[in-house]
Protein backbone atom coordinates (compact mmCIF):
# COMPACT_ATOMS: atom_id res chain seq x y z
CA MET A 1 16.01 1.88 9.48
CA LYS A 2 17.13 0.61 5.78
CA GLY A 3 16.17 1.96 2.25
CA THR A 4 15.41 -0.20 -0.48
CA LYS A 5 13.91 0.30 -3.70
CA ASP A 6 10.72 -0.43 -2.30
CA GLY A 7 10.85 2.46 0.46
CA LEU A 8 11.58 2.58 3.88
CA THR A 9 11.90 -0.65 6.15
CA LEU A 10 12.22 -0.15 10.00
CA HIS A 11 12.87 -2.79 12.60
CA LEU A 12 11.88 -1.57 15.68
CA ASP A 13 12.67 -2.39 19.29
CA ASP A 14 10.21 -5.34 20.49
CA ARG A 15 11.60 -4.74 23.89
CA CYS A 16 10.12 -1.20 25.20
CA SER A 17 6.81 -0.03 26.10
CA TYR A 18 4.68 0.98 23.63
CA GLU A 19 5.26 4.73 24.33
CA ASP A 20 8.61 4.47 23.93
CA LEU A 21 7.74 2.96 20.49
CA LEU A 22 6.04 6.12 19.35
CA LYS A 23 9.10 7.93 20.66
CA GLU A 24 11.61 6.09 18.72
CA ILE A 25 9.23 6.29 15.46
CA GLU A 26 8.90 9.63 15.56
CA GLU A 27 12.80 10.56 16.06
CA ARG A 28 13.83 8.34 13.27
CA LEU A 29 11.28 9.51 11.08
CA VAL A 30 12.19 13.24 11.84
CA ASN A 31 15.82 12.78 11.33
CA GLN A 32 14.78 10.87 7.94
CA ALA A 33 12.17 13.37 6.48
CA GLY A 34 14.73 16.45 7.18
CA GLY A 35 16.72 14.95 3.77
CA ILE A 36 13.40 14.27 1.74
CA ALA A 37 12.43 17.45 -0.20
CA SER A 38 8.75 18.64 0.02
CA ASN A 39 8.11 18.15 -3.68
CA SER A 40 9.47 14.36 -3.63
CA PRO A 41 7.13 11.64 -4.29
CA LEU A 42 5.56 9.51 -1.56
CA VAL A 43 8.19 7.33 0.17
CA SER A 44 6.67 4.12 1.24
CA VAL A 45 7.32 3.20 4.69
CA HIS A 46 7.10 -0.72 5.94
CA LEU A 47 7.28 -1.40 9.92
CA ASN A 48 8.61 -4.52 11.35
CA MET A 49 7.50 -5.22 14.74
CA GLY A 50 9.14 -8.29 15.48
CA ASN A 51 7.47 -10.07 18.50
CA ARG A 52 5.40 -7.11 19.37
CA TYR A 53 1.53 -7.34 18.63
CA LEU A 54 -0.03 -4.08 17.91
CA THR A 55 -4.14 -3.82 18.58
CA PRO A 56 -6.03 -2.58 15.41
CA GLU A 57 -6.14 1.24 17.32
CA GLN A 58 -2.37 1.18 18.21
CA GLU A 59 -1.91 0.30 14.09
CA GLU A 60 -3.99 3.18 13.19
CA GLU A 61 -1.83 5.80 15.72
CA VAL A 62 1.30 4.24 14.30
CA ARG A 63 0.10 4.82 10.70
CA ALA A 64 -1.21 8.69 11.70
CA LEU A 65 2.11 9.44 13.29
CA ILE A 66 4.02 8.62 9.97
CA ARG A 67 1.30 10.41 8.02
CA ARG A 68 2.29 13.60 10.07
CA SER A 69 6.11 13.23 8.53
CA LYS A 70 6.00 14.83 4.81
CA ASN A 71 6.24 12.46 1.98
CA LEU A 72 5.93 9.28 4.17
CA VAL A 73 3.19 6.91 3.67
CA VAL A 74 2.96 2.97 5.44
CA GLU A 75 2.55 0.61 2.98
CA SER A 76 2.85 -2.66 5.55
CA ILE A 77 3.18 -3.25 9.10
CA GLU A 78 4.55 -6.85 9.64
CA SER A 79 4.59 -8.72 13.23
CA ASN A 80 5.61 -12.21 14.06
CA VAL A 81 2.68 -12.63 16.65
CA VAL A 82 -0.86 -12.89 15.91
CA SER A 83 -3.88 -12.50 18.31
CA LYS A 84 -5.83 -15.67 19.50
CA ALA A 85 -8.79 -14.88 17.21
CA GLU A 86 -6.75 -14.70 14.09
CA ALA A 87 -4.40 -17.92 15.10
CA LYS A 88 -8.11 -19.77 15.67
CA GLU A 89 -9.08 -18.59 12.25
CA TRP A 90 -5.71 -19.69 10.53
CA LEU A 91 -6.40 -23.41 12.19
CA ARG A 92 -9.98 -23.14 10.79
CA LYS A 93 -8.61 -22.74 7.25
CA ALA A 94 -5.65 -24.84 7.74
CA GLU A 95 -7.41 -27.89 9.31
CA ILE A 96 -8.56 -31.14 7.33
CA VAL A 97 -12.19 -31.58 7.70
CA THR A 98 -13.31 -35.34 7.89
CA VAL A 99 -17.04 -36.49 6.90
CA SER A 100 -18.02 -39.76 6.54
CA ARG A 101 -21.35 -39.79 4.33
CA ILE A 102 -22.78 -39.63 1.14
CA VAL A 103 -23.45 -36.25 -0.47
CA ARG A 104 -26.84 -36.89 -2.40
CA SER A 105 -28.17 -34.91 -5.52
CA GLY A 106 -29.29 -31.29 -4.50
CA GLN A 107 -26.95 -31.25 -1.47
CA VAL A 108 -23.71 -29.37 -0.55
CA LEU A 109 -21.19 -30.09 1.54
CA HIS A 110 -18.71 -27.08 2.21
CA VAL A 111 -15.63 -26.38 4.46
CA GLU A 112 -13.14 -23.73 4.70
CA GLY A 113 -10.08 -26.03 4.78
CA ASP A 114 -9.32 -29.75 3.37
CA LEU A 115 -11.81 -32.24 3.07
CA LEU A 116 -11.43 -36.04 3.13
CA LEU A 117 -14.81 -37.50 2.59
CA ILE A 118 -15.58 -40.73 3.40
CA GLY A 119 -17.93 -41.76 1.11
CA ASP A 120 -19.44 -40.88 -2.45
CA VAL A 121 -20.63 -37.80 -4.15
CA ASN A 122 -23.89 -38.63 -6.36
CA PRO A 123 -24.71 -36.57 -9.26
CA GLY A 124 -26.12 -33.38 -8.59
CA GLY A 125 -24.33 -33.29 -5.41
CA THR A 126 -21.54 -30.86 -4.91
CA VAL A 127 -18.34 -30.55 -2.13
CA ILE A 128 -16.78 -27.20 -2.09
CA ALA A 129 -13.38 -26.93 0.03
CA GLY A 130 -11.31 -23.74 0.46
CA GLY A 131 -8.38 -25.89 0.34
CA ASN A 132 -7.74 -29.48 -1.31
CA ILE A 133 -10.62 -32.60 -1.67
CA PHE A 134 -9.91 -35.84 -1.07
CA ILE A 135 -12.78 -38.40 -1.78
CA LEU A 136 -12.32 -42.30 -0.63
CA GLY A 137 -15.46 -43.22 -2.84
CA ALA A 138 -16.77 -42.02 -5.99
CA LEU A 139 -17.21 -38.37 -7.58
CA ARG A 140 -19.94 -38.41 -9.63
CA GLY A 141 -21.46 -34.83 -9.02
CA ILE A 142 -19.49 -31.68 -8.62
CA ALA A 143 -16.02 -30.80 -6.77
CA HIS A 144 -14.72 -27.31 -6.44
CA ALA A 145 -11.18 -27.04 -4.74
CA GLY A 146 -9.43 -24.01 -3.65
CA TYR A 147 -12.72 -22.14 -3.03
CA GLY A 148 -11.44 -18.65 -3.24
CA GLY A 149 -8.80 -18.54 -5.57
CA ASN A 150 -6.08 -21.22 -4.28
CA LYS A 151 -5.10 -22.53 -7.64
CA GLU A 152 -2.25 -24.92 -6.14
CA ALA A 153 -5.52 -27.17 -4.73
CA VAL A 154 -6.17 -30.41 -5.70
CA ILE A 155 -8.85 -32.90 -6.12
CA ALA A 156 -8.48 -36.78 -5.93
CA ALA A 157 -11.03 -39.69 -5.90
CA SER A 158 -11.22 -43.45 -6.13
CA VAL A 159 -13.72 -42.99 -8.83
CA MET A 160 -13.34 -39.80 -10.89
CA LYS A 161 -16.36 -39.39 -12.85
CA PRO A 162 -17.46 -36.08 -11.99
CA MET A 163 -20.53 -33.61 -13.66
CA GLN A 164 -17.86 -30.70 -13.07
CA LEU A 165 -14.77 -29.81 -11.79
CA GLY A 166 -13.38 -26.34 -10.12
CA ILE A 167 -10.15 -25.14 -9.07
CA GLY A 168 -9.46 -21.86 -7.81
CA ASP A 169 -11.61 -19.78 -10.36
CA VAL A 170 -10.83 -22.44 -13.41
CA MET A 171 -14.15 -24.45 -14.01
CA ASN A 172 -14.46 -27.61 -16.08
CA ARG A 173 -17.80 -29.46 -17.15
CA ALA A 174 -16.21 -31.97 -19.47
CA PRO A 175 -12.83 -32.64 -18.10
CA ASP A 176 -10.51 -33.52 -21.15
CA TYR A 177 -9.69 -37.42 -20.37
CA LYS A 178 -11.06 -40.73 -20.75
CA THR A 179 -11.12 -43.60 -18.22
CA ASP A 180 -12.68 -46.84 -17.42
CA GLU A 181 -13.84 -48.02 -14.13
CA ARG A 182 -10.75 -49.03 -12.24
CA ASN A 183 -9.23 -49.65 -9.06
CA GLU A 184 -6.62 -46.72 -9.22
CA MET A 185 -7.52 -43.37 -7.71
CA GLU A 186 -7.03 -40.32 -9.96
CA CYS A 187 -6.43 -36.34 -9.11
CA ALA A 188 -7.34 -33.24 -10.64
CA TYR A 189 -4.90 -29.90 -10.97
CA ILE A 190 -4.22 -27.03 -12.82
CA ASN A 191 -1.47 -27.16 -15.08
CA GLU A 192 0.87 -24.87 -16.83
CA GLN A 193 -1.66 -23.59 -19.49
CA ASN A 194 -4.09 -23.01 -16.77
CA GLN A 195 -6.20 -26.14 -17.56
CA ILE A 196 -7.83 -28.72 -15.12
CA VAL A 197 -6.49 -31.98 -16.11
CA VAL A 198 -6.94 -35.07 -14.64
CA ASP A 199 -4.00 -38.04 -14.12
CA ARG A 200 -3.20 -40.82 -11.90
CA LEU A 201 -2.72 -40.09 -8.12
CA GLN A 202 0.79 -40.87 -7.94
CA LEU A 203 1.79 -38.17 -10.03
CA LEU A 204 0.86 -35.59 -7.02
CA MET A 205 4.08 -36.22 -5.17
CA HIS A 206 5.88 -34.83 -8.32
CA LEU A 207 3.21 -31.87 -8.84
CA ARG A 208 2.61 -30.78 -5.20
CA PRO A 209 5.81 -31.95 -3.15
CA ASN A 210 4.52 -29.79 -0.32
CA LEU A 211 1.02 -31.18 -0.31
CA THR A 212 1.77 -33.01 2.76
CA ARG A 213 2.04 -31.25 5.96
CA LEU A 214 4.70 -33.75 7.51
CA GLU A 215 8.38 -33.33 6.87
CA ARG A 216 10.43 -36.53 5.60
CA ARG A 217 13.04 -37.25 8.03
CA VAL A 218 16.71 -39.05 6.91
């Protein structure tokens, strides 16, 4: 058990049985609570379960156990382990979805993770992604990356002539740039002034150095 400015942090044994775990928590909290006055403000408790997975029912049981101790409330429960369903959901949102098609007027293409579109987005067409959007073609319609609030997302296209751009919760109907048709990919991102700007694709390696999931090895 460790006391910090954010409350108490409990690092719990992840090798004992669940029943022994409850006993361990109760014993620690009884000793700790003895030094807390009844009129003291609430103290946040952060639980670190290590390599132990708790079901939602077990989490609620642990929270209820700690609530019985005066002035203590569970702020967070952390674990190095996730359920198979949570892992699949994370992979679904993190994957790059590759689509080869033309998104025509009135059509909407929506993916959870990153989108790699091999084709054009025609005027009136819409592409939406929870992550980044990469278009090997012309973007002449609407593109919204980081759907759900991710302002670090980017939009890149071979030809950047959008009707509207959106990144996170920032929308821009008239991107502040002028460009001629040229054989150079461009990217859109949110700058420090919380505005969407469009520039050369080559800037991405400096603006978003962690964009690629591949590590460069020397």
